[in-house]
Amino acid sequence: MNSNVGNAQVYEAGDQRNAKQSEIETPDRYNEGQVHAHNNMDSKDERSIKNRLAAAETADDSQQDSRETQLHKKDPTLPAKDHGNEPSRGAKIDAQIQEEEEEILKKKGASLPGQKW
């Protein structure tokens, strides 16, 4: 050491040395790569646009409607009837609106030239 200021112990690095890597005990790694631990559609994720689009396509395919949801789209009163209940007022109104819209679409379809029904 070139300095003569202070106590010599100040300049010794006895307790400041790093331990050897072979002496350090490495803890067991936590369960890595668990299924469904990552949201593929996360907007803050650093993924390429191509990977995001691919994840969006698979997400659309995997979100298929249940049987009850499919039936509800055809007839709004059907789920309640399946469970032995009277359909709600809103379901009855939805069914009525759906019937009216189907009639309107049939009339429009019949009036279009080139369409055969």
Protein backbone atom coordinates (compact mmCIF):
# COMPACT_ATOMS: atom_id res chain seq x y z
CA MET A 1 0.00 0.00 0.00
CA ASN A 2 1.23 3.46 -0.82
CA SER A 3 -0.88 5.38 1.69
CA ASN A 4 0.23 6.03 5.22
CA VAL A 5 -3.09 7.52 6.35
CA GLY A 6 -5.18 5.63 8.90
CA ASN A 7 -4.90 2.15 10.26
CA ALA A 8 -3.56 -0.60 8.01
CA GLN A 9 -6.65 -2.74 8.66
CA VAL A 10 -8.75 -0.28 6.67
CA TYR A 11 -6.93 -1.27 3.52
CA GLU A 12 -7.03 -5.01 4.03
CA ALA A 13 -9.70 -6.82 2.05
CA GLY A 14 -9.94 -9.88 4.28
CA ASP A 15 -13.68 -9.76 4.87
CA GLN A 16 -14.55 -8.20 1.53
CA ARG A 17 -13.53 -11.02 -0.73
CA ASN A 18 -16.17 -12.88 -2.70
CA ALA A 19 -16.67 -16.53 -1.92
CA LYS A 20 -15.72 -19.06 -4.57
CA GLN A 21 -18.57 -20.27 -6.76
CA SER A 22 -17.80 -23.85 -5.78
CA GLU A 23 -18.32 -23.00 -2.11
CA ILE A 24 -21.71 -21.31 -2.61
CA GLU A 25 -24.70 -23.60 -2.07
CA THR A 26 -27.16 -23.21 -4.91
CA PRO A 27 -30.79 -23.58 -3.82
CA ASP A 28 -33.09 -25.91 -5.76
CA ARG A 29 -34.72 -24.11 -8.62
CA TYR A 30 -38.41 -23.38 -8.32
CA ASN A 31 -40.80 -25.36 -10.49
CA GLU A 32 -40.12 -23.86 -13.89
CA GLY A 33 -42.29 -23.85 -16.94
CA GLN A 34 -45.61 -24.73 -15.37
CA VAL A 35 -48.53 -25.16 -17.73
CA HIS A 36 -50.80 -22.06 -18.04
CA ALA A 37 -48.37 -19.98 -15.95
CA HIS A 38 -48.04 -17.43 -18.76
CA ASN A 39 -50.77 -15.46 -20.51
CA ASN A 40 -50.10 -15.70 -24.25
CA MET A 41 -52.22 -12.63 -24.97
CA ASP A 42 -50.38 -10.37 -22.49
CA SER A 43 -49.99 -6.92 -24.07
CA LYS A 44 -46.89 -6.12 -22.02
CA ASP A 45 -45.07 -9.23 -23.11
CA GLU A 46 -42.04 -8.74 -25.36
CA ARG A 47 -43.12 -11.04 -28.16
CA SER A 48 -43.07 -10.50 -31.87
CA ILE A 49 -46.22 -9.58 -33.74
CA LYS A 50 -46.09 -12.91 -35.55
CA ASN A 51 -46.12 -14.83 -32.26
CA ARG A 52 -48.97 -12.70 -30.91
CA LEU A 53 -51.06 -13.34 -34.01
CA ALA A 54 -50.41 -17.07 -33.77
CA ALA A 55 -51.45 -17.03 -30.11
CA ALA A 56 -54.61 -15.09 -31.01
CA GLU A 57 -55.57 -17.69 -33.62
CA THR A 58 -55.17 -20.56 -31.19
CA ALA A 59 -57.08 -18.61 -28.52
CA ASP A 60 -60.03 -18.21 -30.90
CA ASP A 61 -60.03 -21.92 -31.68
CA SER A 62 -59.85 -22.95 -28.05
CA GLN A 63 -62.78 -20.79 -26.99
CA GLN A 64 -65.50 -22.93 -28.45
CA ASP A 65 -68.96 -22.46 -27.06
CA SER A 66 -70.45 -24.99 -24.73
CA ARG A 67 -73.54 -26.93 -25.73
CA GLU A 68 -75.77 -24.73 -23.60
CA THR A 69 -74.33 -21.56 -25.14
CA GLN A 70 -74.90 -22.89 -28.65
CA LEU A 71 -78.50 -23.73 -27.78
CA HIS A 72 -78.98 -20.29 -26.24
CA LYS A 73 -77.88 -18.67 -29.50
CA LYS A 74 -80.51 -20.66 -31.42
CA ASP A 75 -83.35 -20.21 -28.92
CA PRO A 76 -82.95 -17.85 -25.93
CA THR A 77 -85.69 -19.65 -23.98
CA LEU A 78 -84.25 -23.14 -24.41
CA PRO A 79 -81.73 -23.22 -21.48
CA ALA A 80 -84.47 -22.34 -19.00
CA LYS A 81 -86.79 -24.95 -20.49
CA ASP A 82 -84.01 -27.57 -20.35
CA HIS A 83 -83.64 -26.92 -16.63
CA GLY A 84 -87.38 -27.18 -16.06
CA ASN A 85 -87.92 -23.46 -15.47
CA GLU A 86 -90.09 -20.87 -17.11
CA PRO A 87 -88.02 -18.60 -19.38
CA SER A 88 -87.43 -15.09 -18.11
CA ARG A 89 -89.20 -12.09 -19.56
CA GLY A 90 -85.97 -10.96 -21.24
CA ALA A 91 -85.46 -14.38 -22.82
CA LYS A 92 -89.01 -14.30 -24.18
CA ILE A 93 -88.45 -10.84 -25.65
CA ASP A 94 -85.13 -11.99 -27.16
CA ALA A 95 -86.88 -14.95 -28.80
CA GLN A 96 -89.57 -12.67 -30.20
CA ILE A 97 -86.99 -10.23 -31.59
CA GLN A 98 -85.01 -13.09 -33.10
CA GLU A 99 -88.13 -14.42 -34.87
CA GLU A 100 -88.95 -10.95 -36.22
CA GLU A 101 -85.40 -10.49 -37.52
CA GLU A 102 -85.48 -13.89 -39.23
CA GLU A 103 -88.73 -12.94 -40.99
CA ILE A 104 -87.22 -9.64 -42.12
CA LEU A 105 -84.12 -11.40 -43.46
CA LYS A 106 -86.28 -13.90 -45.35
CA LYS A 107 -88.24 -11.05 -46.95
CA LYS A 108 -85.04 -9.25 -47.91
CA GLY A 109 -83.54 -12.46 -49.26
CA ALA A 110 -86.59 -13.14 -51.43
CA SER A 111 -86.49 -9.63 -52.91
CA LEU A 112 -82.81 -9.82 -53.96
CA PRO A 113 -82.29 -10.73 -57.62
CA GLY A 114 -80.17 -13.79 -58.28
CA GLN A 115 -80.96 -15.37 -54.93
CA LYS A 116 -82.75 -18.70 -54.96
CA TRP A 117 -84.35 -19.94 -51.77
